[in-house]
Amino acid sequence: ARSGGLMYALGECVLRRVCEHWQQAHNQSITLPEISVNLAAEQVSVAELPSLIRGTCREHSVPVSALHFEVTEDSIQGDFSSLTRILKELVADGASLSIDDFGTGYSSLSRLKSLPFSRIKIDRSFISQLPDDEDDCAITLSILGLTRGLGLSVVAEGVETEAHEQWLFRQGCDYLQGYRYSRPLPFNALMDEFFPLP
C-alpha cells in the first residue's frame, strides 16, 4: 500500500470500517470501549485529516471521543507546525493519541513534550525477553519513568506470558496488550466472545 501511494486511502477505509462496527454494536445496545486506530505518516501530514475523521464519525453517529489514534515515532518527523496543528485539532475534537512502537523510532524528547499525546506504547521487542534480559528491563523501566515524568500513561505491547504480566504489574505499567489476553479477532468473533447476547 505504501509503495503504491495508497496509505491515506487505506487509512480512510479502516476508519470507515471501525465506525461501521461501532455503530453496529451501538445498535445492539453494546457500548464498546475506546477503539484504537493506527494513523500512518501519510495521514498525519494531510491538513484535511481532522475534517475527514469528523465527517466519517458524524456519518455513522460515532463520537470522536470513542477513538484513540496511534501514531508511530517515525510519523512525527515531518513539518512540526503542521503536525502539531493536525494532532491538536484531533484532540480538540475529543480523540486521544498515543505513540506506537515507542523506542524503535527517532522522535526527540522535545517533540514528545510538545505534542498532545496521552499515552506511550512500549514496543514488543523490549517486552519479549522480560524479565530475564537486564537490558530490556532497564529500557522498559526508563520508558516507564519517562512517561510518569511527562504525565502520560503507558501500554506494554506483546505481553504473552504470565512472567511478562507479573513483572509489568510490579513496575506499575498502566495497560498490557498481547496474545496473553486475545489474538486478533474478526469483529463478529470479538462480539461473540466478549459481548455475547443473552
C-alpha atoms as a PDB file:
ATOM      1  CA  ALA A   1       0.000   0.000   0.000  1.00  0.00           C
ATOM      2  CA  ARG A   2       2.811   2.396   0.874  1.00  0.00           C
ATOM      3  CA  SER A   3       4.810   1.783  -2.287  1.00  0.00           C
ATOM      4  CA  GLY A   4       1.627   2.226  -4.316  1.00  0.00           C
ATOM      5  CA  GLY A   5       0.739   5.536  -2.642  1.00  0.00           C
ATOM      6  CA  LEU A   6      -2.412   4.053  -1.100  1.00  0.00           C
ATOM      7  CA  MET A   7      -1.799   4.599   2.624  1.00  0.00           C
ATOM      8  CA  TYR A   8      -4.161   7.563   3.008  1.00  0.00           C
ATOM      9  CA  ALA A   9      -6.966   5.745   1.166  1.00  0.00           C
ATOM     10  CA  LEU A  10      -6.328   2.578   3.194  1.00  0.00           C
ATOM     11  CA  GLY A  11      -6.490   4.568   6.423  1.00  0.00           C
ATOM     12  CA  GLU A  12      -9.778   6.089   5.318  1.00  0.00           C
ATOM     13  CA  CYS A  13     -11.198   2.586   4.678  1.00  0.00           C
ATOM     14  CA  VAL A  14     -10.046   1.389   8.117  1.00  0.00           C
ATOM     15  CA  LEU A  15     -11.644   4.399   9.816  1.00  0.00           C
ATOM     16  CA  ARG A  16     -14.914   3.807   7.989  1.00  0.00           C
ATOM     17  CA  ARG A  17     -14.931   0.120   8.972  1.00  0.00           C
ATOM     18  CA  VAL A  18     -14.252   0.975  12.614  1.00  0.00           C
ATOM     19  CA  CYS A  19     -17.155   3.424  12.620  1.00  0.00           C
ATOM     20  CA  GLU A  20     -19.448   0.862  10.977  1.00  0.00           C
ATOM     21  CA  HIS A  21     -18.562  -1.678  13.673  1.00  0.00           C
ATOM     22  CA  TRP A  22     -19.083   0.869  16.453  1.00  0.00           C
ATOM     23  CA  GLN A  23     -22.498   1.710  15.023  1.00  0.00           C
ATOM     24  CA  GLN A  24     -23.379  -1.989  14.697  1.00  0.00           C
ATOM     25  CA  ALA A  25     -22.539  -2.576  18.368  1.00  0.00           C
ATOM     26  CA  HIS A  26     -24.416   0.561  19.415  1.00  0.00           C
ATOM     27  CA  ASN A  27     -27.499  -0.663  17.553  1.00  0.00           C
ATOM     28  CA  GLN A  28     -27.318  -3.797  19.742  1.00  0.00           C
ATOM     29  CA  SER A  29     -27.139  -1.598  22.893  1.00  0.00           C
ATOM     30  CA  ILE A  30     -23.473  -2.510  23.358  1.00  0.00           C
ATOM     31  CA  THR A  31     -21.068   0.247  24.359  1.00  0.00           C
ATOM     32  CA  LEU A  32     -17.623  -0.624  23.070  1.00  0.00           C
ATOM     33  CA  PRO A  33     -14.570   0.589  24.957  1.00  0.00           C
ATOM     34  CA  GLU A  34     -12.348   3.167  23.312  1.00  0.00           C
ATOM     35  CA  ILE A  35     -11.145   1.865  19.928  1.00  0.00           C
ATOM     36  CA  SER A  36      -7.541   2.359  18.842  1.00  0.00           C
ATOM     37  CA  VAL A  37      -6.898   3.176  15.193  1.00  0.00           C
ATOM     38  CA  ASN A  38      -3.454   3.408  13.619  1.00  0.00           C
ATOM     39  CA  LEU A  39      -2.599   6.526  11.634  1.00  0.00           C
ATOM     40  CA  ALA A  40       0.154   6.327   9.023  1.00  0.00           C
ATOM     41  CA  ALA A  41       2.652   9.103   8.341  1.00  0.00           C
ATOM     42  CA  GLU A  42       0.830   9.702   5.059  1.00  0.00           C
ATOM     43  CA  GLN A  43      -2.307  10.554   7.044  1.00  0.00           C
ATOM     44  CA  VAL A  44      -0.968  12.784   9.823  1.00  0.00           C
ATOM     45  CA  SER A  45       0.722  15.019   7.268  1.00  0.00           C
ATOM     46  CA  VAL A  46      -2.562  15.871   5.497  1.00  0.00           C
ATOM     47  CA  ALA A  47      -4.319  19.001   6.744  1.00  0.00           C
ATOM     48  CA  GLU A  48      -7.768  17.602   5.899  1.00  0.00           C
ATOM     49  CA  LEU A  49      -7.382  14.566   8.203  1.00  0.00           C
ATOM     50  CA  PRO A  50      -9.361  16.032  11.151  1.00  0.00           C
ATOM     51  CA  SER A  51     -12.268  17.017   8.896  1.00  0.00           C
ATOM     52  CA  LEU A  52     -12.261  13.542   7.311  1.00  0.00           C
ATOM     53  CA  ILE A  53     -12.447  11.957  10.767  1.00  0.00           C
ATOM     54  CA  ARG A  54     -15.201  14.319  11.923  1.00  0.00           C
ATOM     55  CA  GLY A  55     -17.223  13.661   8.776  1.00  0.00           C
ATOM     56  CA  THR A  56     -16.855   9.874   8.935  1.00  0.00           C
ATOM     57  CA  CYS A  57     -17.778   9.818  12.620  1.00  0.00           C
ATOM     58  CA  ARG A  58     -20.779  12.083  12.026  1.00  0.00           C
ATOM     59  CA  GLU A  59     -21.961   9.874   9.157  1.00  0.00           C
ATOM     60  CA  HIS A  60     -22.077   6.862  11.491  1.00  0.00           C
ATOM     61  CA  SER A  61     -23.180   8.742  14.651  1.00  0.00           C
ATOM     62  CA  VAL A  62     -19.904   7.889  16.372  1.00  0.00           C
ATOM     63  CA  PRO A  63     -18.472  10.369  18.887  1.00  0.00           C
ATOM     64  CA  VAL A  64     -14.871  11.228  18.031  1.00  0.00           C
ATOM     65  CA  SER A  65     -14.125  10.593  21.716  1.00  0.00           C
ATOM     66  CA  ALA A  66     -14.745   6.871  21.056  1.00  0.00           C
ATOM     67  CA  LEU A  67     -11.491   6.777  19.061  1.00  0.00           C
ATOM     68  CA  HIS A  68      -7.875   6.641  20.189  1.00  0.00           C
ATOM     69  CA  PHE A  69      -5.354   7.241  17.419  1.00  0.00           C
ATOM     70  CA  GLU A  70      -1.936   5.591  17.421  1.00  0.00           C
ATOM     71  CA  VAL A  71       0.954   7.238  15.594  1.00  0.00           C
ATOM     72  CA  THR A  72       4.425   5.707  15.231  1.00  0.00           C
ATOM     73  CA  GLU A  73       7.500   7.691  16.246  1.00  0.00           C
ATOM     74  CA  ASP A  74       8.659   7.945  12.647  1.00  0.00           C
ATOM     75  CA  SER A  75       5.332   9.523  11.671  1.00  0.00           C
ATOM     76  CA  ILE A  76       6.056  12.662  13.688  1.00  0.00           C
ATOM     77  CA  GLN A  77       9.233  13.613  11.859  1.00  0.00           C
ATOM     78  CA  GLY A  78       7.659  15.900   9.256  1.00  0.00           C
ATOM     79  CA  ASP A  79       6.727  19.592   9.329  1.00  0.00           C
ATOM     80  CA  PHE A  80       6.356  20.171  13.061  1.00  0.00           C
ATOM     81  CA  SER A  81       3.996  23.135  12.987  1.00  0.00           C
ATOM     82  CA  SER A  82       1.599  21.414  10.582  1.00  0.00           C
ATOM     83  CA  LEU A  83       1.777  18.140  12.513  1.00  0.00           C
ATOM     84  CA  THR A  84       1.118  19.919  15.804  1.00  0.00           C
ATOM     85  CA  ARG A  85      -1.917  21.695  14.407  1.00  0.00           C
ATOM     86  CA  ILE A  86      -3.404  18.476  12.977  1.00  0.00           C
ATOM     87  CA  LEU A  87      -2.864  16.448  16.171  1.00  0.00           C
ATOM     88  CA  LYS A  88      -4.159  19.220  18.436  1.00  0.00           C
ATOM     89  CA  GLU A  89      -7.254  19.501  16.255  1.00  0.00           C
ATOM     90  CA  LEU A  90      -7.917  15.773  16.696  1.00  0.00           C
ATOM     91  CA  VAL A  91      -7.613  16.121  20.473  1.00  0.00           C
ATOM     92  CA  ALA A  92      -9.853  19.214  20.469  1.00  0.00           C
ATOM     93  CA  ASP A  93     -12.468  17.110  18.648  1.00  0.00           C
ATOM     94  CA  GLY A  94     -12.372  14.580  21.505  1.00  0.00           C
ATOM     95  CA  ALA A  95      -9.930  11.913  20.307  1.00  0.00           C
ATOM     96  CA  SER A  96      -6.913  10.812  22.317  1.00  0.00           C
ATOM     97  CA  LEU A  97      -3.453   9.987  20.956  1.00  0.00           C
ATOM     98  CA  SER A  98      -0.628   7.583  21.661  1.00  0.00           C
ATOM     99  CA  ILE A  99       2.842   7.000  20.264  1.00  0.00           C
ATOM    100  CA  ASP A 100       3.019   3.441  18.966  1.00  0.00           C
ATOM    101  CA  ASP A 101       6.109   1.172  18.974  1.00  0.00           C
ATOM    102  CA  PHE A 102       7.975   3.576  21.248  1.00  0.00           C
ATOM    103  CA  GLY A 103      11.718   3.055  21.388  1.00  0.00           C
ATOM    104  CA  THR A 104      12.167   1.925  17.786  1.00  0.00           C
ATOM    105  CA  GLY A 105      11.965   5.297  16.019  1.00  0.00           C
ATOM    106  CA  TYR A 106      13.677   8.635  16.115  1.00  0.00           C
ATOM    107  CA  SER A 107      11.404  11.003  17.991  1.00  0.00           C
ATOM    108  CA  SER A 108      13.061  13.655  20.126  1.00  0.00           C
ATOM    109  CA  LEU A 109      12.009  14.389  23.684  1.00  0.00           C
ATOM    110  CA  SER A 110      11.286  17.990  22.736  1.00  0.00           C
ATOM    111  CA  ARG A 111       8.708  16.762  20.220  1.00  0.00           C
ATOM    112  CA  LEU A 112       7.242  14.353  22.747  1.00  0.00           C
ATOM    113  CA  LYS A 113       6.601  17.057  25.314  1.00  0.00           C
ATOM    114  CA  SER A 114       5.191  19.474  22.716  1.00  0.00           C
ATOM    115  CA  LEU A 115       2.671  17.160  21.042  1.00  0.00           C
ATOM    116  CA  PRO A 116      -0.702  16.256  22.616  1.00  0.00           C
ATOM    117  CA  PHE A 117      -0.067  12.573  23.315  1.00  0.00           C
ATOM    118  CA  SER A 118      -1.636  10.998  26.390  1.00  0.00           C
ATOM    119  CA  ARG A 119      -0.122   7.521  26.070  1.00  0.00           C
ATOM    120  CA  ILE A 120       3.092   5.790  25.022  1.00  0.00           C
ATOM    121  CA  LYS A 121       3.187   2.181  23.821  1.00  0.00           C
ATOM    122  CA  ILE A 122       6.401   0.287  24.535  1.00  0.00           C
ATOM    123  CA  ASP A 123       7.411  -1.763  21.507  1.00  0.00           C
ATOM    124  CA  ARG A 124       7.077  -5.521  21.911  1.00  0.00           C
ATOM    125  CA  SER A 125      10.782  -6.023  21.096  1.00  0.00           C
ATOM    126  CA  PHE A 126      11.575  -4.728  24.619  1.00  0.00           C
ATOM    127  CA  ILE A 127       8.905  -6.893  26.262  1.00  0.00           C
ATOM    128  CA  SER A 128       9.530 -10.315  24.726  1.00  0.00           C
ATOM    129  CA  GLN A 129      12.570 -11.177  26.907  1.00  0.00           C
ATOM    130  CA  LEU A 130      11.255  -9.743  30.185  1.00  0.00           C
ATOM    131  CA  PRO A 131      12.150 -10.256  32.974  1.00  0.00           C
ATOM    132  CA  ASP A 132      15.273 -12.237  32.072  1.00  0.00           C
ATOM    133  CA  ASP A 133      17.075  -9.711  29.865  1.00  0.00           C
ATOM    134  CA  GLU A 134      18.677  -6.994  32.006  1.00  0.00           C
ATOM    135  CA  ASP A 135      18.961  -4.527  29.140  1.00  0.00           C
ATOM    136  CA  ASP A 136      15.276  -4.864  28.241  1.00  0.00           C
ATOM    137  CA  CYS A 137      14.358  -4.430  31.908  1.00  0.00           C
ATOM    138  CA  ALA A 138      16.462  -1.267  32.091  1.00  0.00           C
ATOM    139  CA  ILE A 139      14.975   0.161  28.881  1.00  0.00           C
ATOM    140  CA  THR A 140      11.420  -0.621  29.966  1.00  0.00           C
ATOM    141  CA  LEU A 141      11.978   0.937  33.401  1.00  0.00           C
ATOM    142  CA  SER A 142      13.440   4.029  31.737  1.00  0.00           C
ATOM    143  CA  ILE A 143      10.394   4.395  29.483  1.00  0.00           C
ATOM    144  CA  LEU A 144       8.069   3.939  32.459  1.00  0.00           C
ATOM    145  CA  GLY A 145       9.959   6.656  34.335  1.00  0.00           C
ATOM    146  CA  LEU A 146       9.863   8.979  31.335  1.00  0.00           C
ATOM    147  CA  THR A 147       6.125   8.568  30.860  1.00  0.00           C
ATOM    148  CA  ARG A 148       5.402   9.205  34.530  1.00  0.00           C
ATOM    149  CA  GLY A 149       7.548  12.320  34.400  1.00  0.00           C
ATOM    150  CA  LEU A 150       5.626  13.593  31.390  1.00  0.00           C
ATOM    151  CA  GLY A 151       2.267  12.727  32.952  1.00  0.00           C
ATOM    152  CA  LEU A 152       1.481  10.087  30.328  1.00  0.00           C
ATOM    153  CA  SER A 153       0.119   6.559  30.667  1.00  0.00           C
ATOM    154  CA  VAL A 154       1.970   3.606  29.203  1.00  0.00           C
ATOM    155  CA  VAL A 155       0.993   0.417  27.361  1.00  0.00           C
ATOM    156  CA  ALA A 156       3.261  -2.619  27.086  1.00  0.00           C
ATOM    157  CA  GLU A 157       2.822  -4.346  23.715  1.00  0.00           C
ATOM    158  CA  GLY A 158       3.464  -8.032  23.092  1.00  0.00           C
ATOM    159  CA  VAL A 159       2.556  -9.391  26.533  1.00  0.00           C
ATOM    160  CA  GLU A 160       2.380 -13.147  26.050  1.00  0.00           C
ATOM    161  CA  THR A 161       3.345 -14.838  29.306  1.00  0.00           C
ATOM    162  CA  GLU A 162       2.491 -14.735  32.988  1.00  0.00           C
ATOM    163  CA  ALA A 163       6.104 -13.691  33.666  1.00  0.00           C
ATOM    164  CA  HIS A 164       5.688 -10.657  31.384  1.00  0.00           C
ATOM    165  CA  GLU A 165       2.426  -9.782  33.073  1.00  0.00           C
ATOM    166  CA  GLN A 166       3.656 -10.108  36.660  1.00  0.00           C
ATOM    167  CA  TRP A 167       6.857  -8.122  36.090  1.00  0.00           C
ATOM    168  CA  LEU A 168       4.999  -5.293  34.320  1.00  0.00           C
ATOM    169  CA  PHE A 169       2.313  -5.181  37.015  1.00  0.00           C
ATOM    170  CA  ARG A 170       5.020  -4.889  39.678  1.00  0.00           C
ATOM    171  CA  GLN A 171       6.556  -1.962  37.799  1.00  0.00           C
ATOM    172  CA  GLY A 172       3.211  -0.152  37.650  1.00  0.00           C
ATOM    173  CA  CYS A 173       2.610  -0.384  33.910  1.00  0.00           C
ATOM    174  CA  ASP A 174      -0.833   1.093  33.193  1.00  0.00           C
ATOM    175  CA  TYR A 175      -2.018  -1.188  30.344  1.00  0.00           C
ATOM    176  CA  LEU A 176      -0.952  -4.537  28.910  1.00  0.00           C
ATOM    177  CA  GLN A 177      -1.661  -5.720  25.368  1.00  0.00           C
ATOM    178  CA  GLY A 178      -0.879  -9.010  23.708  1.00  0.00           C
ATOM    179  CA  TYR A 179      -1.684 -12.627  22.983  1.00  0.00           C
ATOM    180  CA  ARG A 180      -1.954 -13.380  26.707  1.00  0.00           C
ATOM    181  CA  TYR A 181      -5.375 -11.721  26.540  1.00  0.00           C
ATOM    182  CA  SER A 182      -6.512 -12.344  22.979  1.00  0.00           C
ATOM    183  CA  ARG A 183      -5.266 -12.854  19.480  1.00  0.00           C
ATOM    184  CA  PRO A 184      -6.683 -10.558  16.794  1.00  0.00           C
ATOM    185  CA  LEU A 185     -10.289 -11.484  16.041  1.00  0.00           C
ATOM    186  CA  PRO A 186     -12.775 -10.636  13.282  1.00  0.00           C
ATOM    187  CA  PHE A 187     -15.399  -8.229  14.598  1.00  0.00           C
ATOM    188  CA  ASN A 188     -18.201 -10.806  14.791  1.00  0.00           C
ATOM    189  CA  ALA A 189     -15.977 -13.244  16.694  1.00  0.00           C
ATOM    190  CA  LEU A 190     -14.949 -10.450  19.056  1.00  0.00           C
ATOM    191  CA  MET A 191     -18.580  -9.626  19.758  1.00  0.00           C
ATOM    192  CA  ASP A 192     -19.498 -13.282  20.330  1.00  0.00           C
ATOM    193  CA  GLU A 193     -16.601 -13.810  22.752  1.00  0.00           C
ATOM    194  CA  PHE A 194     -16.659 -10.610  24.782  1.00  0.00           C
ATOM    195  CA  PHE A 195     -20.201  -9.273  24.324  1.00  0.00           C
ATOM    196  CA  PRO A 196     -22.425 -12.365  23.947  1.00  0.00           C
ATOM    197  CA  LEU A 197     -26.102 -11.671  23.513  1.00  0.00           C
ATOM    198  CA  PRO A 198     -28.318 -13.056  26.320  1.00  0.00           C
END
